[in-house]
């Protein structure tokens, strides 16, 4: 028998039902990543979503008996003249996925396509669908949207499985003997402490440290940072208090004496810890690999406290590949609906081809060097950098 679905779409986060998971745990047996929880979406709408360039659409799918089956947060964004239907993300989410509830429904591609057409009929018009970073399952439940994916996502997620015995996990730590030697050397410099920020003043101090450390790293690697992406900066700066209040935040940090030399800012959902932002001091501290030391100490603490996963999220950086034994392959889908949508995807493909060239890779970082130096010069001459504060965000598009 074909299941009956009841679909509701809300345009305001405050309007969603009480079945929508609020924070780190759900009372209704929902399986989900924290990026789709009410609290995360609230912090997101107050930072990334405050520009008003997007319309938000919170979809709730229930079965014929009114039981929740499938919830998903979507938005329609105007980009390059096209209305793009996508997940609520803006590069703030490591996984784009629905919230799933236990059900007897057996998902098939045909069934999901029928459900998706019914969902689309309740959404405003759009030109193109662009879904990315979709996992094949959410905590053991098959992800229906992955059944209608049409391509592999170009980047994967990586994690450590903490359900294994600690000796096995520890044996997989990269360059373990060297790391232990660096820990001993750090302990000779000053008292070395692994800490968890539990008080407001600790959280603010650690958050300020990681924002400064990451900004330095962005500038050294010649990529846009918090000076460009103010929404991202405010997401972390303001979100720290909100996530902590709701019991979702775990902010680990490492101190040498009174100085914070590494931080790990992450969120929890169930028994999974998502390490969203990692940072460390460079300069004289680089030889001690403080980021690696903090990662090892965090790994051990999470295992001792019965967490099942330390998830490093999206990105195929070499250190993630080296540090993690588990890779989560993700899927994506692109579907033009109108001529404008086809033009949008064609422009995206052309831009991707250009950005993959050696010449582009060599030249692109130079703009950030020039713009940041220009800002420093105007700050020195005038006392403020208003001109480059406007230029820096505009440069992201090029």
Protein backbone atom coordinates (compact mmCIF):
# COMPACT_ATOMS: atom_id res chain seq x y z
CA UNK A 1 0.00 0.00 0.00
CA UNK A 2 1.33 3.47 -0.93
CA UNK A 3 1.90 5.58 2.21
CA UNK A 4 -0.15 8.72 2.75
CA UNK A 5 1.85 11.85 3.53
CA UNK A 6 0.67 15.07 5.12
CA UNK A 7 2.99 17.99 4.35
CA UNK A 8 3.19 21.35 6.12
CA UNK A 9 5.61 24.16 5.23
CA UNK A 10 6.36 26.97 7.69
CA UNK A 11 8.11 30.19 6.70
CA UNK A 12 9.08 31.12 10.26
CA UNK A 13 11.23 29.04 12.59
CA UNK A 14 9.01 29.98 15.52
CA UNK A 15 6.09 28.28 13.74
CA UNK A 16 7.51 24.74 13.56
CA UNK A 17 5.95 22.02 15.68
CA UNK A 18 7.23 20.84 19.04
CA UNK A 19 8.30 17.60 17.33
CA UNK A 20 11.20 19.45 15.71
CA UNK A 21 14.32 18.63 17.77
CA UNK A 22 15.43 21.64 19.74
CA UNK A 23 18.98 20.87 20.80
CA UNK A 24 21.35 18.02 21.62
CA UNK A 25 18.66 15.42 22.32
CA UNK A 26 15.16 14.64 21.09
CA UNK A 27 12.18 13.42 23.10
CA UNK A 28 10.63 11.83 20.01
CA UNK A 29 13.36 9.44 18.89
CA UNK A 30 14.46 11.69 16.02
CA UNK A 31 17.75 10.99 14.23
CA UNK A 32 19.50 14.14 13.09
CA UNK A 33 22.65 16.20 12.89
CA UNK A 34 22.80 19.34 15.08
CA UNK A 35 22.80 21.55 11.97
CA UNK A 36 19.08 20.94 11.55
CA UNK A 37 18.07 21.50 15.20
CA UNK A 38 15.95 24.47 16.24
CA UNK A 39 18.77 26.03 18.26
CA UNK A 40 21.29 25.79 15.44
CA UNK A 41 18.76 27.24 12.99
CA UNK A 42 18.00 30.07 15.42
CA UNK A 43 21.67 31.02 15.69
CA UNK A 44 21.97 30.66 11.91
CA UNK A 45 19.02 32.96 11.18
CA UNK A 46 20.48 35.60 13.53
CA UNK A 47 23.81 35.57 11.68
CA UNK A 48 23.96 34.02 8.20
CA UNK A 49 20.23 34.47 7.65
CA UNK A 50 19.84 38.08 8.75
CA UNK A 51 20.59 39.62 5.34
CA UNK A 52 17.08 38.88 4.09
CA UNK A 53 18.40 37.54 0.77
CA UNK A 54 16.75 34.18 1.42
CA UNK A 55 13.24 32.95 2.05
CA UNK A 56 13.14 30.17 4.66
CA UNK A 57 10.92 27.09 4.39
CA UNK A 58 10.69 24.51 7.18
CA UNK A 59 9.10 21.34 5.82
CA UNK A 60 7.35 18.82 8.06
CA UNK A 61 6.19 15.49 6.58
CA UNK A 62 3.89 13.26 8.62
CA UNK A 63 2.22 9.95 7.88
CA UNK A 64 -1.53 9.46 7.57
CA UNK A 65 -1.81 9.10 11.34
CA UNK A 66 -0.08 12.44 11.99
CA UNK A 67 3.17 10.88 13.20
CA UNK A 68 6.36 12.76 12.22
CA UNK A 69 8.37 11.08 9.46
CA UNK A 70 10.65 13.57 7.77
CA UNK A 71 11.49 17.23 8.56
CA UNK A 72 13.89 19.37 6.50
CA UNK A 73 14.94 23.06 6.60
CA UNK A 74 15.20 24.63 3.13
CA UNK A 75 15.67 28.09 1.70
CA UNK A 76 15.40 29.85 -1.65
CA UNK A 77 18.30 32.19 -2.35
CA UNK A 78 18.71 34.67 -5.19
CA UNK A 79 22.14 33.98 -6.71
CA UNK A 80 23.38 35.38 -9.99
CA UNK A 81 19.87 36.13 -11.15
CA UNK A 82 18.46 32.69 -10.32
CA UNK A 83 16.26 31.52 -7.46
CA UNK A 84 18.13 28.58 -5.95
CA UNK A 85 16.42 26.01 -3.72
CA UNK A 86 18.96 24.63 -1.25
CA UNK A 87 19.43 23.50 2.32
CA UNK A 88 19.79 26.11 5.05
CA UNK A 89 23.56 26.05 5.10
CA UNK A 90 25.73 28.93 3.72
CA UNK A 91 28.74 26.69 4.48
CA UNK A 92 27.82 26.59 8.17
CA UNK A 93 26.65 22.95 8.11
CA UNK A 94 28.89 19.91 7.65
CA UNK A 95 25.94 17.67 6.79
CA UNK A 96 22.81 18.69 4.87
CA UNK A 97 20.11 16.20 5.75
CA UNK A 98 16.53 15.81 6.88
CA UNK A 99 15.51 14.99 10.43
CA UNK A 100 14.24 11.42 10.42
CA UNK A 101 11.87 9.65 12.77
CA UNK A 102 11.48 5.88 13.22
CA UNK A 103 8.87 4.62 10.76
CA UNK A 104 7.69 1.44 9.07
CA UNK A 105 7.85 3.15 5.68
CA UNK A 106 10.27 1.45 3.30
CA UNK A 107 11.88 4.15 1.20
CA UNK A 108 12.44 3.65 -2.53
CA UNK A 109 13.54 6.07 -5.21
CA UNK A 110 10.05 6.09 -6.71
CA UNK A 111 8.41 6.81 -3.36
CA UNK A 112 10.87 9.59 -2.52
CA UNK A 113 10.44 11.19 -5.95
CA UNK A 114 6.66 11.21 -5.42
CA UNK A 115 7.06 12.73 -1.96
CA UNK A 116 9.52 15.31 -3.26
CA UNK A 117 7.13 16.46 -6.00
CA UNK A 118 4.45 16.90 -3.34
CA UNK A 119 6.85 18.99 -1.22
CA UNK A 120 7.82 21.15 -4.22
CA UNK A 121 4.15 21.84 -4.94
CA UNK A 122 3.92 23.57 -1.55
CA UNK A 123 7.06 25.70 -1.99
CA UNK A 124 7.39 29.04 -3.80
CA UNK A 125 8.69 28.84 -7.38
CA UNK A 126 12.43 28.45 -7.97
CA UNK A 127 14.76 28.12 -10.95
CA UNK A 128 17.18 25.44 -9.86
CA UNK A 129 17.65 22.89 -7.09
CA UNK A 130 21.16 22.60 -5.65
CA UNK A 131 21.57 20.06 -2.85
CA UNK A 132 25.01 19.18 -1.48
CA UNK A 133 26.70 17.32 1.41
CA UNK A 134 23.94 14.72 1.82
CA UNK A 135 24.85 11.62 3.91
CA UNK A 136 23.47 8.21 2.95
CA UNK A 137 22.06 7.68 6.45
CA UNK A 138 21.41 9.59 9.65
CA UNK A 139 22.46 7.60 12.70
CA UNK A 140 21.53 4.31 11.09
CA UNK A 141 18.33 5.39 9.33
CA UNK A 142 18.51 5.57 5.53
CA UNK A 143 18.38 9.13 4.23
CA UNK A 144 15.51 9.28 1.70
CA UNK A 145 16.97 12.31 -0.09
CA UNK A 146 20.16 10.41 -0.91
CA UNK A 147 18.02 8.08 -3.06
CA UNK A 148 17.32 10.90 -5.51
CA UNK A 149 20.89 12.22 -5.57
CA UNK A 150 22.48 12.30 -9.02
CA UNK A 151 26.18 12.70 -8.18
CA UNK A 152 28.82 12.27 -5.54
CA UNK A 153 29.61 15.30 -3.44
CA UNK A 154 33.08 16.59 -4.24
CA UNK A 155 34.15 16.61 -0.55
CA UNK A 156 33.65 14.01 2.19
CA UNK A 157 33.32 14.04 5.98
CA UNK A 158 35.74 12.25 8.31
CA UNK A 159 35.46 10.93 11.87
CA UNK A 160 36.94 8.76 14.61
CA UNK A 161 34.87 5.78 15.75
CA UNK A 162 35.08 5.90 19.56
CA UNK A 163 33.16 2.65 20.05
CA UNK A 164 36.48 0.81 19.69
CA UNK A 165 38.78 -0.04 22.62
CA UNK A 166 41.04 2.86 23.62
CA UNK A 167 44.33 1.03 22.85
CA UNK A 168 43.13 0.56 19.27
CA UNK A 169 42.16 4.23 18.96
CA UNK A 170 45.41 5.44 20.51
CA UNK A 171 47.47 3.21 18.22
CA UNK A 172 45.96 5.05 15.24
CA UNK A 173 47.04 8.52 16.44
CA UNK A 174 49.43 9.89 13.79
CA UNK A 175 53.09 10.08 14.85
CA UNK A 176 52.13 9.10 18.38
CA UNK A 177 55.64 8.86 19.83
CA UNK A 178 56.56 12.28 18.45
CA UNK A 179 53.34 13.72 19.87
CA UNK A 180 54.08 12.35 23.35
CA UNK A 181 57.55 13.87 23.20
CA UNK A 182 56.04 17.25 22.34
CA UNK A 183 53.65 16.95 25.27
CA UNK A 184 56.60 16.34 27.61
CA UNK A 185 58.43 19.34 26.15
CA UNK A 186 55.35 21.52 26.59
CA UNK A 187 55.12 20.48 30.23
CA UNK A 188 58.69 21.73 30.72
CA UNK A 189 57.76 25.22 29.47
CA UNK A 190 54.86 25.81 31.90
CA UNK A 191 52.04 23.85 33.52
CA UNK A 192 50.02 22.27 30.69
CA UNK A 193 46.29 21.95 31.24
CA UNK A 194 43.48 20.43 29.21
CA UNK A 195 40.30 22.33 30.02
CA UNK A 196 36.61 22.48 29.19
CA UNK A 197 35.00 25.90 29.26
CA UNK A 198 32.09 25.61 31.69
CA UNK A 199 31.72 29.21 32.86
CA UNK A 200 30.69 32.18 30.73
CA UNK A 201 34.00 34.01 31.17
CA UNK A 202 35.91 30.86 30.14
CA UNK A 203 33.81 30.43 27.02
CA UNK A 204 34.30 34.06 26.00
CA UNK A 205 38.04 33.92 26.58
CA UNK A 206 38.42 30.66 24.63
CA UNK A 207 36.13 31.86 21.81
CA UNK A 208 38.06 35.14 21.48
CA UNK A 209 41.27 33.11 21.33
CA UNK A 210 40.07 30.82 18.54
CA UNK A 211 38.66 33.72 16.50
CA UNK A 212 42.04 35.45 16.69
CA UNK A 213 43.99 32.26 16.00
CA UNK A 214 41.82 31.30 13.02
CA UNK A 215 41.96 34.81 11.56
CA UNK A 216 45.75 34.63 11.65
CA UNK A 217 45.58 31.28 9.90
CA UNK A 218 43.20 32.61 7.23
CA UNK A 219 45.59 35.45 6.49
CA UNK A 220 48.60 33.15 6.35
CA UNK A 221 46.85 30.84 3.88
CA UNK A 222 45.56 33.83 1.86
CA UNK A 223 41.87 33.04 2.07
CA UNK A 224 38.92 35.15 3.24
CA UNK A 225 38.48 35.15 7.00
CA UNK A 226 36.34 36.71 9.70
CA UNK A 227 37.32 40.16 8.40
CA UNK A 228 35.30 39.28 5.28
CA UNK A 229 32.68 36.88 6.61
CA UNK A 230 31.19 38.87 9.47
CA UNK A 231 28.19 36.51 9.58
CA UNK A 232 30.48 33.59 10.38
CA UNK A 233 32.29 35.58 13.06
CA UNK A 234 29.00 36.54 14.71
CA UNK A 235 27.71 32.97 14.43
CA UNK A 236 30.54 31.80 16.67
CA UNK A 237 30.80 34.88 18.86
CA UNK A 238 27.10 35.17 19.67
CA UNK A 239 26.25 31.49 19.22
CA UNK A 240 28.70 30.37 21.91
CA UNK A 241 26.39 31.61 24.67
CA UNK A 242 23.23 30.20 23.07
CA UNK A 243 24.65 26.73 22.38
CA UNK A 244 26.15 26.55 25.88
CA UNK A 245 22.84 27.52 27.49
CA UNK A 246 21.08 24.74 25.57
CA UNK A 247 23.67 22.10 26.49
CA UNK A 248 24.90 21.65 22.90
CA UNK A 249 28.37 23.20 23.17
CA UNK A 250 31.60 21.54 24.24
CA UNK A 251 34.50 23.97 24.07
CA UNK A 252 37.84 22.31 24.80
CA UNK A 253 41.05 24.28 25.13
CA UNK A 254 44.68 23.82 26.06
CA UNK A 255 46.66 26.24 28.21
CA UNK A 256 50.36 26.64 28.83
CA UNK A 257 50.54 28.63 32.01
CA UNK A 258 47.89 31.32 31.52
CA UNK A 259 48.03 31.35 27.71
CA UNK A 260 45.46 29.56 25.54
CA UNK A 261 47.49 27.74 22.90
CA UNK A 262 44.77 25.64 21.18
CA UNK A 263 40.97 25.42 21.09
CA UNK A 264 38.31 23.05 19.79
CA UNK A 265 34.78 24.48 19.44
CA UNK A 266 32.14 21.85 18.78
CA UNK A 267 28.53 20.78 19.15
CA UNK A 268 26.89 17.60 20.40
CA UNK A 269 23.93 15.60 19.18
CA UNK A 270 23.32 12.32 20.96
CA UNK A 271 26.67 10.57 21.54
CA UNK A 272 28.39 12.33 18.65
CA UNK A 273 30.73 15.30 19.03
CA UNK A 274 31.17 17.57 16.00
CA UNK A 275 34.51 19.40 16.09
CA UNK A 276 33.47 22.42 14.05
CA UNK A 277 36.33 24.83 14.62
CA UNK A 278 39.90 23.98 15.64
CA UNK A 279 42.61 26.56 16.19
CA UNK A 280 46.09 26.86 17.65
CA UNK A 281 48.81 29.38 18.35
CA UNK A 282 51.68 29.55 15.88
CA UNK A 283 55.02 31.33 16.28
CA UNK A 284 57.05 29.92 19.14
CA UNK A 285 54.33 27.33 19.83
CA UNK A 286 54.36 25.74 16.37
CA UNK A 287 57.16 23.29 17.20
CA UNK A 288 55.00 21.80 19.97
CA UNK A 289 52.00 21.09 17.68
CA UNK A 290 49.46 22.36 20.25
CA UNK A 291 46.56 21.56 17.92
CA UNK A 292 47.63 17.92 17.74
CA UNK A 293 48.05 17.75 21.51
CA UNK A 294 44.56 19.14 22.09
CA UNK A 295 43.08 16.75 19.54
CA UNK A 296 44.64 13.76 21.33
CA UNK A 297 43.47 14.93 24.77
CA UNK A 298 39.94 15.55 23.43
CA UNK A 299 39.85 12.15 21.77
CA UNK A 300 40.72 10.51 25.09
CA UNK A 301 38.19 12.57 27.09
CA UNK A 302 35.36 11.77 24.67
CA UNK A 303 36.16 8.06 24.79
CA UNK A 304 36.23 8.10 28.60
CA UNK A 305 32.80 9.75 28.62
CA UNK A 306 31.21 7.18 26.29
CA UNK A 307 30.89 9.33 23.19
CA UNK A 308 30.62 7.21 20.04
CA UNK A 309 32.08 9.56 17.42
CA UNK A 310 34.46 12.48 17.15
CA UNK A 311 33.36 13.96 13.84
CA UNK A 312 35.74 16.36 12.08
CA UNK A 313 33.10 17.15 9.50
CA UNK A 314 33.50 18.28 5.93
CA UNK A 315 36.88 18.64 4.26
CA UNK A 316 39.53 16.43 2.70
CA UNK A 317 42.53 18.16 4.27
CA UNK A 318 45.52 15.81 4.68
CA UNK A 319 45.48 16.05 8.47
CA UNK A 320 41.86 14.85 8.59
CA UNK A 321 42.62 11.94 6.29
CA UNK A 322 45.58 11.03 8.48
CA UNK A 323 43.74 11.44 11.79
CA UNK A 324 40.50 9.61 10.97
CA UNK A 325 39.87 5.97 10.10
CA UNK A 326 36.28 6.56 8.92
CA UNK A 327 35.20 8.50 5.83
CA UNK A 328 31.56 9.38 5.15
CA UNK A 329 30.95 9.75 1.43
CA UNK A 330 28.31 12.34 0.64
CA UNK A 331 25.99 12.85 -2.30
CA UNK A 332 24.55 15.84 -4.15
CA UNK A 333 21.85 16.77 -6.63
CA UNK A 334 21.44 19.57 -9.17
CA UNK A 335 18.27 20.04 -11.17
CA UNK A 336 17.37 23.05 -13.33
CA UNK A 337 13.66 23.85 -13.46
CA UNK A 338 13.70 26.87 -15.77
CA UNK A 339 15.92 28.32 -18.48
CA UNK A 340 17.38 30.66 -15.89
CA UNK A 341 18.27 27.61 -13.82
CA UNK A 342 20.09 26.01 -16.73
CA UNK A 343 22.02 29.25 -17.30
CA UNK A 344 22.92 29.34 -13.60
CA UNK A 345 24.34 25.80 -13.66
CA UNK A 346 26.25 26.51 -16.88
CA UNK A 347 27.84 29.55 -15.25
CA UNK A 348 28.68 27.48 -12.19
CA UNK A 349 30.41 24.84 -14.31
CA UNK A 350 32.39 27.51 -16.18
CA UNK A 351 33.42 29.22 -12.96
CA UNK A 352 34.49 25.87 -11.49
CA UNK A 353 36.61 25.11 -14.54
CA UNK A 354 38.33 28.50 -14.31
CA UNK A 355 38.99 28.17 -10.58
CA UNK A 356 40.57 24.76 -11.09
CA UNK A 357 43.27 26.15 -13.39
CA UNK A 358 46.81 26.61 -12.08
CA UNK A 359 46.77 30.28 -13.08
CA UNK A 360 43.66 31.03 -11.02
CA UNK A 361 45.02 29.16 -8.02
CA UNK A 362 48.22 31.21 -8.22
CA UNK A 363 46.60 34.60 -8.72
CA UNK A 364 43.48 34.46 -6.53
CA UNK A 365 45.23 34.68 -3.11
CA UNK A 366 46.95 37.90 -4.18
CA UNK A 367 43.74 39.90 -3.90
CA UNK A 368 43.49 39.12 -0.19
CA UNK A 369 47.06 40.26 0.38
CA UNK A 370 46.41 43.50 -1.50
CA UNK A 371 43.06 44.24 0.16
CA UNK A 372 44.32 43.49 3.68
CA UNK A 373 47.41 45.64 3.19
CA UNK A 374 45.23 48.41 1.78
CA UNK A 375 43.07 48.20 4.91
CA UNK A 376 46.13 48.41 7.14
CA UNK A 377 47.33 51.48 5.22
CA UNK A 378 43.97 53.27 5.45
CA UNK A 379 43.74 52.41 9.15
CA UNK A 380 47.18 53.95 9.67
CA UNK A 381 46.41 57.09 7.66
CA UNK A 382 42.80 57.73 8.64
CA UNK A 383 42.17 55.70 11.77
CA UNK A 384 39.48 53.58 10.15
CA UNK A 385 39.18 51.17 7.23
CA UNK A 386 35.70 51.94 5.94
CA UNK A 387 36.62 51.64 2.26
CA UNK A 388 38.20 48.23 2.53
CA UNK A 389 35.50 47.07 4.93
CA UNK A 390 33.23 47.42 1.88
CA UNK A 391 35.72 45.99 -0.62
CA UNK A 392 36.62 42.84 1.33
CA UNK A 393 33.12 41.29 1.31
CA UNK A 394 32.65 42.24 -2.36
CA UNK A 395 35.86 40.42 -3.24
CA UNK A 396 34.44 37.07 -2.11
CA UNK A 397 32.40 36.83 -5.32
CA UNK A 398 35.46 37.02 -7.57
